[in-house]
Structure formats: structure tokens, C-alpha cells
């Protein structure tokens, strides 16, 4: 299960504690999946999403799941990314149009990255 923020991830875990190990923020799943390839032979008899969730859950706490600090410069200034937790998707309703578009681009990039990891897993 993918959520937009850590607060929503925590709410899911409160409602159903058994879902904790397979619930991630969108960005958290992206960072954990991108850290290293997921072995497509692991859990060959299991559903790909089950294997994916188990693999990235196993990486929690073992590696940096957030990006390195963003470089400063003209590009950063022009994109004007909202500040906040790097694992949360910014709430686009409270942003400028430019920030809203940037947040949408980030969501699209995260989804593409996760889909890429899942495609490699199902080959």
C-alpha cells in the first residue's frame, strides 16, 4: 500500500497493524526499491507485489531511504520545491502553480521508478 505521507502511513498501521510491513510512502518505496535491484528469483512462487513489499520492507533501517540533501543553485531556486519531510508528497493544494507542477512531476517520477522495479521483478 502506498500513501502520500508518513502520517497517512501511520494511520494505516493504526487501523491494521498487520499492514505495517507492506505500507510505504510513495517516495519511501521509490528510494528503497532504487537502492539496489530486487532479485527476481527471490520468492519465485510468490506474487511479485508480495516479493516487492517484502524486499523493500527488509531494507528499512539498513540503508538511507531518503535522498541526499538537494544541491543549491539556479535550478533549485527555479523549481522552488516545498520544504518538508523528504518521504512525503507535498500537498499540491497549498502550493504555487509552479510548486504544484513540480510535485506532480515528482509523483510521476516516483511511480515510473517503482513500475520499473516491478517490471524487472516480473521478468
PDB file of N, CA and C in Angstrom:
ATOM      1  N   UNK A   1       0.854  -1.154   0.000  1.00  0.00           N
ATOM      2  CA  UNK A   1       0.000   0.000   0.000  1.00  0.00           C
ATOM      3  C   UNK A   1       0.903   1.220   0.000  1.00  0.00           C
ATOM      4  N   UNK A   2       0.593   2.159  -0.875  1.00  0.00           N
ATOM      5  CA  UNK A   2       1.369   3.384  -0.969  1.00  0.00           C
ATOM      6  C   UNK A   2       0.534   4.557  -0.485  1.00  0.00           C
ATOM      7  N   UNK A   3       1.154   5.398   0.334  1.00  0.00           N
ATOM      8  CA  UNK A   3       0.488   6.588   0.855  1.00  0.00           C
ATOM      9  C   UNK A   3       1.265   7.823   0.433  1.00  0.00           C
ATOM     10  N   UNK A   4       0.649   8.973   0.588  1.00  0.00           N
ATOM     11  CA  UNK A   4       1.317  10.223   0.226  1.00  0.00           C
ATOM     12  C   UNK A   4       2.225  10.741   1.329  1.00  0.00           C
ATOM     13  N   UNK A   5       1.938  10.370   2.580  1.00  0.00           N
ATOM     14  CA  UNK A   5       2.723  10.930   3.678  1.00  0.00           C
ATOM     15  C   UNK A   5       2.944   9.905   4.790  1.00  0.00           C
ATOM     16  N   UNK A   6       3.909  10.217   5.636  1.00  0.00           N
ATOM     17  CA  UNK A   6       4.177   9.345   6.778  1.00  0.00           C
ATOM     18  C   UNK A   6       2.993   9.331   7.744  1.00  0.00           C
ATOM     19  N   UNK A   7       2.277  10.440   7.840  1.00  0.00           N
ATOM     20  CA  UNK A   7       1.097  10.485   8.726  1.00  0.00           C
ATOM     21  C   UNK A   7       0.032   9.513   8.226  1.00  0.00           C
ATOM     22  N   UNK A   8      -0.181   9.456   6.924  1.00  0.00           N
ATOM     23  CA  UNK A   8      -1.156   8.518   6.366  1.00  0.00           C
ATOM     24  C   UNK A   8      -0.670   7.077   6.516  1.00  0.00           C
ATOM     25  N   UNK A   9       0.624   6.870   6.356  1.00  0.00           N
ATOM     26  CA  UNK A   9       1.199   5.529   6.561  1.00  0.00           C
ATOM     27  C   UNK A   9       0.956   5.085   8.002  1.00  0.00           C
ATOM     28  N   UNK A  10       1.146   5.984   8.954  1.00  0.00           N
ATOM     29  CA  UNK A  10       0.920   5.659  10.359  1.00  0.00           C
ATOM     30  C   UNK A  10      -0.551   5.374  10.631  1.00  0.00           C
ATOM     31  N   UNK A  11      -1.444   6.107   9.968  1.00  0.00           N
ATOM     32  CA  UNK A  11      -2.885   5.875  10.151  1.00  0.00           C
ATOM     33  C   UNK A  11      -3.264   4.478   9.668  1.00  0.00           C
ATOM     34  N   UNK A  12      -2.687   4.049   8.547  1.00  0.00           N
ATOM     35  CA  UNK A  12      -2.953   2.699   8.042  1.00  0.00           C
ATOM     36  C   UNK A  12      -2.479   1.663   9.065  1.00  0.00           C
ATOM     37  N   UNK A  13      -1.296   1.870   9.613  1.00  0.00           N
ATOM     38  CA  UNK A  13      -0.754   0.927  10.600  1.00  0.00           C
ATOM     39  C   UNK A  13      -1.591   0.906  11.881  1.00  0.00           C
ATOM     40  N   UNK A  14      -2.193   2.033  12.212  1.00  0.00           N
ATOM     41  CA  UNK A  14      -3.063   2.088  13.394  1.00  0.00           C
ATOM     42  C   UNK A  14      -4.348   1.303  13.150  1.00  0.00           C
ATOM     43  N   UNK A  15      -4.894   1.462  11.967  1.00  0.00           N
ATOM     44  CA  UNK A  15      -6.131   0.757  11.619  1.00  0.00           C
ATOM     45  C   UNK A  15      -5.891  -0.739  11.480  1.00  0.00           C
ATOM     46  N   UNK A  16      -4.778  -1.104  10.824  1.00  0.00           N
ATOM     47  CA  UNK A  16      -4.469  -2.518  10.593  1.00  0.00           C
ATOM     48  C   UNK A  16      -2.975  -2.752  10.829  1.00  0.00           C
ATOM     49  N   UNK A  17      -2.574  -3.068  12.048  1.00  0.00           N
ATOM     50  CA  UNK A  17      -1.161  -3.261  12.350  1.00  0.00           C
ATOM     51  C   UNK A  17      -0.473  -4.310  11.459  1.00  0.00           C
ATOM     52  N   UNK A  18      -1.218  -5.284  10.972  1.00  0.00           N
ATOM     53  CA  UNK A  18      -0.602  -6.301  10.120  1.00  0.00           C
ATOM     54  C   UNK A  18      -0.186  -5.734   8.752  1.00  0.00           C
ATOM     55  N   UNK A  19      -0.680  -4.555   8.396  1.00  0.00           N
ATOM     56  CA  UNK A  19      -0.330  -3.937   7.111  1.00  0.00           C
ATOM     57  C   UNK A  19       0.955  -3.121   7.181  1.00  0.00           C
ATOM     58  N   UNK A  20       1.488  -2.944   8.374  1.00  0.00           N
ATOM     59  CA  UNK A  20       2.670  -2.089   8.562  1.00  0.00           C
ATOM     60  C   UNK A  20       3.838  -2.470   7.669  1.00  0.00           C
ATOM     61  N   UNK A  21       4.113  -3.753   7.540  1.00  0.00           N
ATOM     62  CA  UNK A  21       5.297  -4.178   6.780  1.00  0.00           C
ATOM     63  C   UNK A  21       5.123  -4.044   5.272  1.00  0.00           C
ATOM     64  N   UNK A  22       3.919  -3.773   4.826  1.00  0.00           N
ATOM     65  CA  UNK A  22       3.703  -3.625   3.386  1.00  0.00           C
ATOM     66  C   UNK A  22       3.090  -2.270   3.029  1.00  0.00           C
ATOM     67  N   UNK A  23       3.252  -1.295   3.922  1.00  0.00           N
ATOM     68  CA  UNK A  23       2.758   0.059   3.687  1.00  0.00           C
ATOM     69  C   UNK A  23       3.933   1.023   3.680  1.00  0.00           C
ATOM     70  N   UNK A  24       4.007   1.829   2.640  1.00  0.00           N
ATOM     71  CA  UNK A  24       5.130   2.754   2.436  1.00  0.00           C
ATOM     72  C   UNK A  24       4.592   4.069   1.905  1.00  0.00           C
ATOM     73  N   UNK A  25       5.340   5.143   2.119  1.00  0.00           N
ATOM     74  CA  UNK A  25       5.008   6.348   1.380  1.00  0.00           C
ATOM     75  C   UNK A  25       5.500   6.109  -0.043  1.00  0.00           C
ATOM     76  N   UNK A  26       4.934   6.826  -0.984  1.00  0.00           N
ATOM     77  CA  UNK A  26       5.323   6.670  -2.385  1.00  0.00           C
ATOM     78  C   UNK A  26       6.825   6.890  -2.558  1.00  0.00           C
ATOM     79  N   UNK A  27       7.325   7.953  -1.956  1.00  0.00           N
ATOM     80  CA  UNK A  27       8.754   8.263  -2.090  1.00  0.00           C
ATOM     81  C   UNK A  27       9.621   7.240  -1.354  1.00  0.00           C
ATOM     82  N   UNK A  28       9.175   6.769  -0.216  1.00  0.00           N
ATOM     83  CA  UNK A  28       9.930   5.770   0.527  1.00  0.00           C
ATOM     84  C   UNK A  28      10.086   4.506  -0.320  1.00  0.00           C
ATOM     85  N   UNK A  29       9.010   4.059  -0.938  1.00  0.00           N
ATOM     86  CA  UNK A  29       9.069   2.866  -1.793  1.00  0.00           C
ATOM     87  C   UNK A  29      10.029   3.090  -2.952  1.00  0.00           C
ATOM     88  N   UNK A  30       9.989   4.281  -3.533  1.00  0.00           N
ATOM     89  CA  UNK A  30      10.886   4.587  -4.640  1.00  0.00           C
ATOM     90  C   UNK A  30      12.349   4.518  -4.208  1.00  0.00           C
ATOM     91  N   UNK A  31      12.687   5.168  -3.096  1.00  0.00           N
ATOM     92  CA  UNK A  31      14.076   5.189  -2.640  1.00  0.00           C
ATOM     93  C   UNK A  31      14.565   3.794  -2.254  1.00  0.00           C
ATOM     94  N   UNK A  32      13.732   3.039  -1.567  1.00  0.00           N
ATOM     95  CA  UNK A  32      14.144   1.701  -1.137  1.00  0.00           C
ATOM     96  C   UNK A  32      14.283   0.747  -2.319  1.00  0.00           C
ATOM     97  N   UNK A  33      13.405   0.867  -3.303  1.00  0.00           N
ATOM     98  CA  UNK A  33      13.478  -0.005  -4.484  1.00  0.00           C
ATOM     99  C   UNK A  33      14.655   0.358  -5.372  1.00  0.00           C
ATOM    100  N   UNK A  34      14.997   1.638  -5.410  1.00  0.00           N
ATOM    101  CA  UNK A  34      16.074   2.089  -6.286  1.00  0.00           C
ATOM    102  C   UNK A  34      17.464   1.850  -5.703  1.00  0.00           C
ATOM    103  N   UNK A  35      17.537   1.552  -4.425  1.00  0.00           N
ATOM    104  CA  UNK A  35      18.830   1.406  -3.754  1.00  0.00           C
ATOM    105  C   UNK A  35      19.665   0.285  -4.376  1.00  0.00           C
ATOM    106  N   UNK A  36      19.011  -0.797  -4.730  1.00  0.00           N
ATOM    107  CA  UNK A  36      19.678  -1.908  -5.404  1.00  0.00           C
ATOM    108  C   UNK A  36      18.608  -2.755  -6.075  1.00  0.00           C
ATOM    109  N   UNK A  37      18.981  -3.473  -7.134  1.00  0.00           N
ATOM    110  CA  UNK A  37      17.968  -4.278  -7.824  1.00  0.00           C
ATOM    111  C   UNK A  37      17.375  -5.340  -6.896  1.00  0.00           C
ATOM    112  N   UNK A  38      16.103  -5.609  -7.103  1.00  0.00           N
ATOM    113  CA  UNK A  38      15.430  -6.657  -6.343  1.00  0.00           C
ATOM    114  C   UNK A  38      15.614  -7.955  -7.103  1.00  0.00           C
ATOM    115  N   UNK A  39      16.065  -8.977  -6.415  1.00  0.00           N
ATOM    116  CA  UNK A  39      16.344 -10.270  -7.034  1.00  0.00           C
ATOM    117  C   UNK A  39      15.042 -10.903  -7.521  1.00  0.00           C
ATOM    118  N   UNK A  40      14.929 -11.081  -8.825  1.00  0.00           N
ATOM    119  CA  UNK A  40      13.694 -11.626  -9.391  1.00  0.00           C
ATOM    120  C   UNK A  40      13.514 -13.103  -9.060  1.00  0.00           C
ATOM    121  N   UNK A  41      14.563 -13.774  -8.588  1.00  0.00           N
ATOM    122  CA  UNK A  41      14.433 -15.192  -8.215  1.00  0.00           C
ATOM    123  C   UNK A  41      13.928 -15.364  -6.796  1.00  0.00           C
ATOM    124  N   UNK A  42      14.018 -14.282  -5.999  1.00  0.00           N
ATOM    125  CA  UNK A  42      13.563 -14.363  -4.603  1.00  0.00           C
ATOM    126  C   UNK A  42      12.060 -14.561  -4.589  1.00  0.00           C
ATOM    127  N   UNK A  43      11.602 -15.563  -3.915  1.00  0.00           N
ATOM    128  CA  UNK A  43      10.170 -15.821  -3.797  1.00  0.00           C
ATOM    129  C   UNK A  43       9.509 -16.106  -5.124  1.00  0.00           C
ATOM    130  N   UNK A  44      10.154 -16.911  -5.955  1.00  0.00           N
ATOM    131  CA  UNK A  44       9.656 -17.186  -7.297  1.00  0.00           C
ATOM    132  C   UNK A  44       8.230 -17.735  -7.296  1.00  0.00           C
ATOM    133  N   UNK A  45       7.824 -18.379  -6.213  1.00  0.00           N
ATOM    134  CA  UNK A  45       6.479 -18.942  -6.135  1.00  0.00           C
ATOM    135  C   UNK A  45       5.458 -17.942  -5.600  1.00  0.00           C
ATOM    136  N   UNK A  46       5.898 -16.750  -5.243  1.00  0.00           N
ATOM    137  CA  UNK A  46       5.007 -15.753  -4.653  1.00  0.00           C
ATOM    138  C   UNK A  46       4.625 -14.694  -5.690  1.00  0.00           C
ATOM    139  N   UNK A  47       3.588 -13.962  -5.374  1.00  0.00           N
ATOM    140  CA  UNK A  47       3.153 -12.857  -6.224  1.00  0.00           C
ATOM    141  C   UNK A  47       4.242 -11.775  -6.239  1.00  0.00           C
ATOM    142  N   UNK A  48       4.491 -11.152  -7.402  1.00  0.00           N
ATOM    143  CA  UNK A  48       5.533 -10.118  -7.489  1.00  0.00           C
ATOM    144  C   UNK A  48       5.359  -8.977  -6.490  1.00  0.00           C
ATOM    145  N   UNK A  49       4.123  -8.523  -6.249  1.00  0.00           N
ATOM    146  CA  UNK A  49       3.928  -7.427  -5.287  1.00  0.00           C
ATOM    147  C   UNK A  49       4.278  -7.851  -3.866  1.00  0.00           C
ATOM    148  N   UNK A  50       4.015  -9.108  -3.529  1.00  0.00           N
ATOM    149  CA  UNK A  50       4.363  -9.621  -2.200  1.00  0.00           C
ATOM    150  C   UNK A  50       5.881  -9.636  -2.040  1.00  0.00           C
ATOM    151  N   UNK A  51       6.582 -10.098  -3.066  1.00  0.00           N
ATOM    152  CA  UNK A  51       8.048 -10.133  -3.042  1.00  0.00           C
ATOM    153  C   UNK A  51       8.595  -8.714  -2.962  1.00  0.00           C
ATOM    154  N   UNK A  52       8.045  -7.817  -3.776  1.00  0.00           N
ATOM    155  CA  UNK A  52       8.488  -6.424  -3.797  1.00  0.00           C
ATOM    156  C   UNK A  52       8.355  -5.789  -2.415  1.00  0.00           C
ATOM    157  N   UNK A  53       7.180  -5.911  -1.813  1.00  0.00           N
ATOM    158  CA  UNK A  53       6.950  -5.317  -0.490  1.00  0.00           C
ATOM    159  C   UNK A  53       7.883  -5.913   0.550  1.00  0.00           C
ATOM    160  N   UNK A  54       8.083  -7.224   0.518  1.00  0.00           N
ATOM    161  CA  UNK A  54       8.963  -7.873   1.498  1.00  0.00           C
ATOM    162  C   UNK A  54      10.406  -7.414   1.323  1.00  0.00           C
ATOM    163  N   UNK A  55      10.838  -7.292   0.076  1.00  0.00           N
ATOM    164  CA  UNK A  55      12.220  -6.867  -0.187  1.00  0.00           C
ATOM    165  C   UNK A  55      12.465  -5.438   0.293  1.00  0.00           C
ATOM    166  N   UNK A  56      11.562  -4.520  -0.051  1.00  0.00           N
ATOM    167  CA  UNK A  56      11.830  -3.137   0.354  1.00  0.00           C
ATOM    168  C   UNK A  56      11.589  -2.946   1.852  1.00  0.00           C
ATOM    169  N   UNK A  57      10.674  -3.711   2.428  1.00  0.00           N
ATOM    170  CA  UNK A  57      10.497  -3.638   3.889  1.00  0.00           C
ATOM    171  C   UNK A  57      11.777  -4.103   4.584  1.00  0.00           C
ATOM    172  N   UNK A  58      12.413  -5.133   4.050  1.00  0.00           N
ATOM    173  CA  UNK A  58      13.655  -5.639   4.628  1.00  0.00           C
ATOM    174  C   UNK A  58      14.802  -4.647   4.569  1.00  0.00           C
ATOM    175  N   UNK A  59      14.695  -3.665   3.713  1.00  0.00           N
ATOM    176  CA  UNK A  59      15.748  -2.650   3.578  1.00  0.00           C
ATOM    177  C   UNK A  59      15.562  -1.488   4.542  1.00  0.00           C
ATOM    178  N   UNK A  60      14.402  -1.373   5.144  1.00  0.00           N
ATOM    179  CA  UNK A  60      14.165  -0.283   6.092  1.00  0.00           C
ATOM    180  C   UNK A  60      15.172  -0.373   7.220  1.00  0.00           C
ATOM    181  N   UNK A  61      15.781   0.742   7.524  1.00  0.00           N
ATOM    182  CA  UNK A  61      16.732   0.806   8.623  1.00  0.00           C
ATOM    183  C   UNK A  61      18.124   0.321   8.260  1.00  0.00           C
ATOM    184  N   UNK A  62      18.279  -0.323   7.111  1.00  0.00           N
ATOM    185  CA  UNK A  62      19.585  -0.825   6.707  1.00  0.00           C
ATOM    186  C   UNK A  62      20.283   0.111   5.733  1.00  0.00           C
ATOM    187  N   UNK A  63      19.529   0.998   5.158  1.00  0.00           N
ATOM    188  CA  UNK A  63      20.108   1.932   4.208  1.00  0.00           C
ATOM    189  C   UNK A  63      19.377   3.252   4.281  1.00  0.00           C
ATOM    190  N   UNK A  64      20.000   4.234   3.720  1.00  0.00           N
ATOM    191  CA  UNK A  64      19.398   5.560   3.698  1.00  0.00           C
ATOM    192  C   UNK A  64      18.187   5.500   2.770  1.00  0.00           C
ATOM    193  N   UNK A  65      17.005   5.783   3.289  1.00  0.00           N
ATOM    194  CA  UNK A  65      15.801   5.722   2.469  1.00  0.00           C
ATOM    195  C   UNK A  65      15.344   7.103   2.021  1.00  0.00           C
ATOM    196  N   UNK A  66      16.156   8.106   2.297  1.00  0.00           N
ATOM    197  CA  UNK A  66      15.826   9.453   1.854  1.00  0.00           C
ATOM    198  C   UNK A  66      16.960   9.955   0.977  1.00  0.00           C
ATOM    199  N   UNK A  67      16.655  10.878   0.103  1.00  0.00           N
ATOM    200  CA  UNK A  67      17.695  11.389  -0.783  1.00  0.00           C
ATOM    201  C   UNK A  67      18.714  12.233  -0.040  1.00  0.00           C
ATOM    202  N   UNK A  68      19.870  12.353  -0.647  1.00  0.00           N
ATOM    203  CA  UNK A  68      20.878  13.258  -0.100  1.00  0.00           C
ATOM    204  C   UNK A  68      20.325  14.677  -0.193  1.00  0.00           C
ATOM    205  N   UNK A  69      20.827  15.588   0.619  1.00  0.00           N
ATOM    206  CA  UNK A  69      20.340  16.961   0.548  1.00  0.00           C
ATOM    207  C   UNK A  69      20.431  17.501  -0.873  1.00  0.00           C
ATOM    208  N   UNK A  70      19.400  18.215  -1.282  1.00  0.00           N
ATOM    209  CA  UNK A  70      19.351  18.742  -2.639  1.00  0.00           C
ATOM    210  C   UNK A  70      20.426  19.798  -2.833  1.00  0.00           C
ATOM    211  N   UNK A  71      21.063  19.779  -4.002  1.00  0.00           N
ATOM    212  CA  UNK A  71      22.065  20.810  -4.266  1.00  0.00           C
ATOM    213  C   UNK A  71      21.384  22.167  -4.417  1.00  0.00           C
ATOM    214  N   UNK A  72      22.102  23.198  -4.056  1.00  0.00           N
ATOM    215  CA  UNK A  72      21.542  24.529  -4.230  1.00  0.00           C
ATOM    216  C   UNK A  72      21.984  25.049  -5.588  1.00  0.00           C
ATOM    217  N   UNK A  73      21.348  26.064  -6.042  1.00  0.00           N
ATOM    218  CA  UNK A  73      21.721  26.626  -7.326  1.00  0.00           C
ATOM    219  C   UNK A  73      20.506  27.159  -8.049  1.00  0.00           C
ATOM    220  N   UNK A  74      20.712  27.582  -9.274  1.00  0.00           N
ATOM    221  CA  UNK A  74      19.661  28.206 -10.048  1.00  0.00           C
ATOM    222  C   UNK A  74      18.490  27.263 -10.291  1.00  0.00           C
ATOM    223  N   UNK A  75      18.776  26.009 -10.647  1.00  0.00           N
ATOM    224  CA  UNK A  75      17.692  25.056 -10.923  1.00  0.00           C
ATOM    225  C   UNK A  75      16.820  24.859  -9.677  1.00  0.00           C
ATOM    226  N   UNK A  76      17.463  24.717  -8.530  1.00  0.00           N
ATOM    227  CA  UNK A  76      16.717  24.541  -7.287  1.00  0.00           C
ATOM    228  C   UNK A  76      15.863  25.770  -7.005  1.00  0.00           C
ATOM    229  N   UNK A  77      16.433  26.931  -7.218  1.00  0.00           N
ATOM    230  CA  UNK A  77      15.706  28.173  -6.990  1.00  0.00           C
ATOM    231  C   UNK A  77      14.507  28.269  -7.926  1.00  0.00           C
ATOM    232  N   UNK A  78      14.687  27.898  -9.197  1.00  0.00           N
ATOM    233  CA  UNK A  78      13.599  27.986 -10.163  1.00  0.00           C
ATOM    234  C   UNK A  78      12.484  26.996  -9.883  1.00  0.00           C
ATOM    235  N   UNK A  79      12.825  25.804  -9.427  1.00  0.00           N
ATOM    236  CA  UNK A  79      11.791  24.798  -9.143  1.00  0.00           C
ATOM    237  C   UNK A  79      11.047  25.110  -7.854  1.00  0.00           C
ATOM    238  N   UNK A  80      11.713  25.794  -6.934  1.00  0.00           N
ATOM    239  CA  UNK A  80      11.111  26.185  -5.661  1.00  0.00           C
ATOM    240  C   UNK A  80      10.357  25.031  -5.017  1.00  0.00           C
ATOM    241  N   UNK A  81      11.076  23.971  -4.786  1.00  0.00           N
ATOM    242  CA  UNK A  81      10.457  22.811  -4.150  1.00  0.00           C
ATOM    243  C   UNK A  81      10.036  23.161  -2.735  1.00  0.00           C
ATOM    244  N   UNK A  82       8.858  22.715  -2.368  1.00  0.00           N
ATOM    245  CA  UNK A  82       8.427  22.965  -0.993  1.00  0.00           C
ATOM    246  C   UNK A  82       9.284  22.178  -0.020  1.00  0.00           C
ATOM    247  N   UNK A  83       9.469  22.730   1.131  1.00  0.00           N
ATOM    248  CA  UNK A  83      10.228  22.025   2.153  1.00  0.00           C
ATOM    249  C   UNK A  83       9.288  21.104   2.909  1.00  0.00           C
ATOM    250  N   UNK A  84       9.841  20.179   3.628  1.00  0.00           N
ATOM    251  CA  UNK A  84       9.037  19.234   4.396  1.00  0.00           C
ATOM    252  C   UNK A  84       9.761  17.905   4.438  1.00  0.00           C
ATOM    253  N   UNK A  85       9.094  16.904   4.935  1.00  0.00           N
ATOM    254  CA  UNK A  85       9.691  15.591   5.033  1.00  0.00           C
ATOM    255  C   UNK A  85       9.964  15.049   3.631  1.00  0.00           C
ATOM    256  N   UNK A  86      11.182  14.586   3.364  1.00  0.00           N
ATOM    257  CA  UNK A  86      11.512  14.092   2.021  1.00  0.00           C
ATOM    258  C   UNK A  86      10.749  12.823   1.628  1.00  0.00           C
ATOM    259  N   UNK A  87      10.108  12.160   2.585  1.00  0.00           N
ATOM    260  CA  UNK A  87       9.329  10.963   2.251  1.00  0.00           C
ATOM    261  C   UNK A  87       7.869  11.291   1.937  1.00  0.00           C
ATOM    262  N   UNK A  88       7.457  12.527   2.188  1.00  0.00           N
ATOM    263  CA  UNK A  88       6.078  12.934   1.944  1.00  0.00           C
ATOM    264  C   UNK A  88       5.930  13.594   0.579  1.00  0.00           C
ATOM    265  N   UNK A  89       4.793  13.372  -0.050  1.00  0.00           N
ATOM    266  CA  UNK A  89       4.429  14.102  -1.255  1.00  0.00           C
ATOM    267  C   UNK A  89       3.785  15.395  -0.785  1.00  0.00           C
ATOM    268  N   UNK A  90       4.281  16.541  -1.256  1.00  0.00           N
ATOM    269  CA  UNK A  90       3.690  17.810  -0.812  1.00  0.00           C
ATOM    270  C   UNK A  90       2.219  17.894  -1.216  1.00  0.00           C
ATOM    271  N   UNK A  91       1.417  18.529  -0.371  1.00  0.00           N
ATOM    272  CA  UNK A  91       0.012  18.738  -0.665  1.00  0.00           C
ATOM    273  C   UNK A  91      -0.102  19.849  -1.695  1.00  0.00           C
ATOM    274  N   UNK A  92      -0.405  19.500  -2.924  1.00  0.00           N
ATOM    275  CA  UNK A  92      -0.428  20.447  -4.027  1.00  0.00           C
ATOM    276  C   UNK A  92      -1.460  21.545  -3.910  1.00  0.00           C
ATOM    277  N   UNK A  93      -2.448  21.360  -3.064  1.00  0.00           N
ATOM    278  CA  UNK A  93      -3.497  22.367  -2.924  1.00  0.00           C
ATOM    279  C   UNK A  93      -3.022  23.605  -2.181  1.00  0.00           C
ATOM    280  N   UNK A  94      -1.884  23.522  -1.536  1.00  0.00           N
ATOM    281  CA  UNK A  94      -1.381  24.648  -0.751  1.00  0.00           C
ATOM    282  C   UNK A  94      -0.089  25.198  -1.344  1.00  0.00           C
ATOM    283  N   UNK A  95       0.118  24.971  -2.641  1.00  0.00           N
ATOM    284  CA  UNK A  95       1.357  25.382  -3.284  1.00  0.00           C
ATOM    285  C   UNK A  95       1.072  26.360  -4.420  1.00  0.00           C
ATOM    286  N   UNK A  96       2.132  27.007  -4.864  1.00  0.00           N
ATOM    287  CA  UNK A  96       2.001  27.836  -6.060  1.00  0.00           C
ATOM    288  C   UNK A  96       1.840  26.903  -7.263  1.00  0.00           C
ATOM    289  N   UNK A  97       1.447  27.447  -8.389  1.00  0.00           N
ATOM    290  CA  UNK A  97       1.270  26.641  -9.600  1.00  0.00           C
ATOM    291  C   UNK A  97       2.581  25.940  -9.974  1.00  0.00           C
ATOM    292  N   UNK A  98       3.677  26.652  -9.885  1.00  0.00           N
ATOM    293  CA  UNK A  98       4.984  26.066 -10.221  1.00  0.00           C
ATOM    294  C   UNK A  98       5.315  24.917  -9.264  1.00  0.00           C
ATOM    295  N   UNK A  99       5.090  25.111  -7.977  1.00  0.00           N
ATOM    296  CA  UNK A  99       5.358  24.058  -6.992  1.00  0.00           C
ATOM    297  C   UNK A  99       4.414  22.875  -7.186  1.00  0.00           C
ATOM    298  N   UNK A 100       3.167  23.171  -7.535  1.00  0.00           N
ATOM    299  CA  UNK A 100       2.195  22.112  -7.789  1.00  0.00           C
ATOM    300  C   UNK A 100       2.665  21.247  -8.961  1.00  0.00           C
ATOM    301  N   UNK A 101       3.090  21.866 -10.026  1.00  0.00           N
ATOM    302  CA  UNK A 101       3.606  21.122 -11.191  1.00  0.00           C
ATOM    303  C   UNK A 101       4.842  20.320 -10.819  1.00  0.00           C
ATOM    304  N   UNK A 102       5.702  20.906 -10.031  1.00  0.00           N
ATOM    305  CA  UNK A 102       6.905  20.197  -9.586  1.00  0.00           C
ATOM    306  C   UNK A 102       6.537  18.969  -8.755  1.00  0.00           C
ATOM    307  N   UNK A 103       5.546  19.124  -7.873  1.00  0.00           N
ATOM    308  CA  UNK A 103       5.090  17.991  -7.055  1.00  0.00           C
ATOM    309  C   UNK A 103       4.509  16.901  -7.946  1.00  0.00           C
ATOM    310  N   UNK A 104       3.727  17.284  -8.956  1.00  0.00           N
ATOM    311  CA  UNK A 104       3.180  16.296  -9.890  1.00  0.00           C
ATOM    312  C   UNK A 104       4.289  15.582 -10.658  1.00  0.00           C
ATOM    313  N   UNK A 105       5.313  16.323 -11.064  1.00  0.00           N
ATOM    314  CA  UNK A 105       6.456  15.706 -11.747  1.00  0.00           C
ATOM    315  C   UNK A 105       7.150  14.700 -10.831  1.00  0.00           C
ATOM    316  N   UNK A 106       7.301  15.059  -9.553  1.00  0.00           N
ATOM    317  CA  UNK A 106       7.935  14.161  -8.594  1.00  0.00           C
ATOM    318  C   UNK A 106       7.116  12.884  -8.406  1.00  0.00           C
ATOM    319  N   UNK A 107       5.794  13.015  -8.337  1.00  0.00           N
ATOM    320  CA  UNK A 107       4.933  11.839  -8.198  1.00  0.00           C
ATOM    321  C   UNK A 107       5.060  10.958  -9.437  1.00  0.00           C
ATOM    322  N   UNK A 108       5.041  11.574 -10.596  1.00  0.00           N
ATOM    323  CA  UNK A 108       5.172  10.812 -11.846  1.00  0.00           C
ATOM    324  C   UNK A 108       6.512  10.080 -11.902  1.00  0.00           C
ATOM    325  N   UNK A 109       7.581  10.757 -11.508  1.00  0.00           N
ATOM    326  CA  UNK A 109       8.910  10.124 -11.489  1.00  0.00           C
ATOM    327  C   UNK A 109       8.954   8.957 -10.510  1.00  0.00           C
ATOM    328  N   UNK A 110       8.341   9.126  -9.344  1.00  0.00           N
ATOM    329  CA  UNK A 110       8.332   8.060  -8.333  1.00  0.00           C
ATOM    330  C   UNK A 110       7.562   6.849  -8.838  1.00  0.00           C
ATOM    331  N   UNK A 111       6.403   7.093  -9.438  1.00  0.00           N
ATOM    332  CA  UNK A 111       5.601   5.986  -9.974  1.00  0.00           C
ATOM    333  C   UNK A 111       6.366   5.270 -11.072  1.00  0.00           C
ATOM    334  N   UNK A 112       6.994   6.020 -11.972  1.00  0.00           N
ATOM    335  CA  UNK A 112       7.777   5.407 -13.051  1.00  0.00           C
ATOM    336  C   UNK A 112       8.910   4.554 -12.492  1.00  0.00           C
ATOM    337  N   UNK A 113       9.572   5.053 -11.461  1.00  0.00           N
ATOM    338  CA  UNK A 113      10.677   4.314 -10.847  1.00  0.00           C
ATOM    339  C   UNK A 113      10.188   3.007 -10.216  1.00  0.00           C
ATOM    340  N   UNK A 114       9.086   3.072  -9.495  1.00  0.00           N
ATOM    341  CA  UNK A 114       8.536   1.876  -8.851  1.00  0.00           C
ATOM    342  C   UNK A 114       8.068   0.876  -9.906  1.00  0.00           C
ATOM    343  N   UNK A 115       7.399   1.368 -10.945  1.00  0.00           N
ATOM    344  CA  UNK A 115       6.962   0.470 -12.024  1.00  0.00           C
ATOM    345  C   UNK A 115       8.149  -0.195 -12.712  1.00  0.00           C
ATOM    346  N   UNK A 116       9.229   0.548 -12.880  1.00  0.00           N
ATOM    347  CA  UNK A 116      10.439  -0.028 -13.468  1.00  0.00           C
ATOM    348  C   UNK A 116      10.982  -1.164 -12.620  1.00  0.00           C
ATOM    349  N   UNK A 117      11.014  -0.965 -11.308  1.00  0.00           N
ATOM    350  CA  UNK A 117      11.498  -2.025 -10.400  1.00  0.00           C
ATOM    351  C   UNK A 117      10.575  -3.232 -10.461  1.00  0.00           C
ATOM    352  N   UNK A 118       9.272  -2.999 -10.531  1.00  0.00           N
ATOM    353  CA  UNK A 118       8.319  -4.111 -10.625  1.00  0.00           C
ATOM    354  C   UNK A 118       8.434  -4.847 -11.944  1.00  0.00           C
ATOM    355  N   UNK A 119       8.661  -4.118 -13.020  1.00  0.00           N
ATOM    356  CA  UNK A 119       8.839  -4.770 -14.339  1.00  0.00           C
ATOM    357  C   UNK A 119      10.059  -5.683 -14.326  1.00  0.00           C
ATOM    358  N   UNK A 120      11.146  -5.200 -13.734  1.00  0.00           N
ATOM    359  CA  UNK A 120      12.357  -6.032 -13.670  1.00  0.00           C
ATOM    360  C   UNK A 120      12.113  -7.274 -12.821  1.00  0.00           C
ATOM    361  N   UNK A 121      11.282  -7.130 -11.827  1.00  0.00           N
ATOM    362  CA  UNK A 121      10.979  -8.255 -10.931  1.00  0.00           C
ATOM    363  C   UNK A 121      10.147  -9.320 -11.627  1.00  0.00           C
ATOM    364  N   UNK A 122       9.289  -8.922 -12.547  1.00  0.00           N
ATOM    365  CA  UNK A 122       8.400  -9.870 -13.201  1.00  0.00           C
ATOM    366  C   UNK A 122       8.996 -10.503 -14.449  1.00  0.00           C
ATOM    367  N   UNK A 123      10.207 -10.164 -14.783  1.00  0.00           N
ATOM    368  CA  UNK A 123      10.846 -10.760 -15.977  1.00  0.00           C
ATOM    369  C   UNK A 123      11.406 -12.116 -15.662  1.00  0.00           C
TER     370      UNK A 123
END
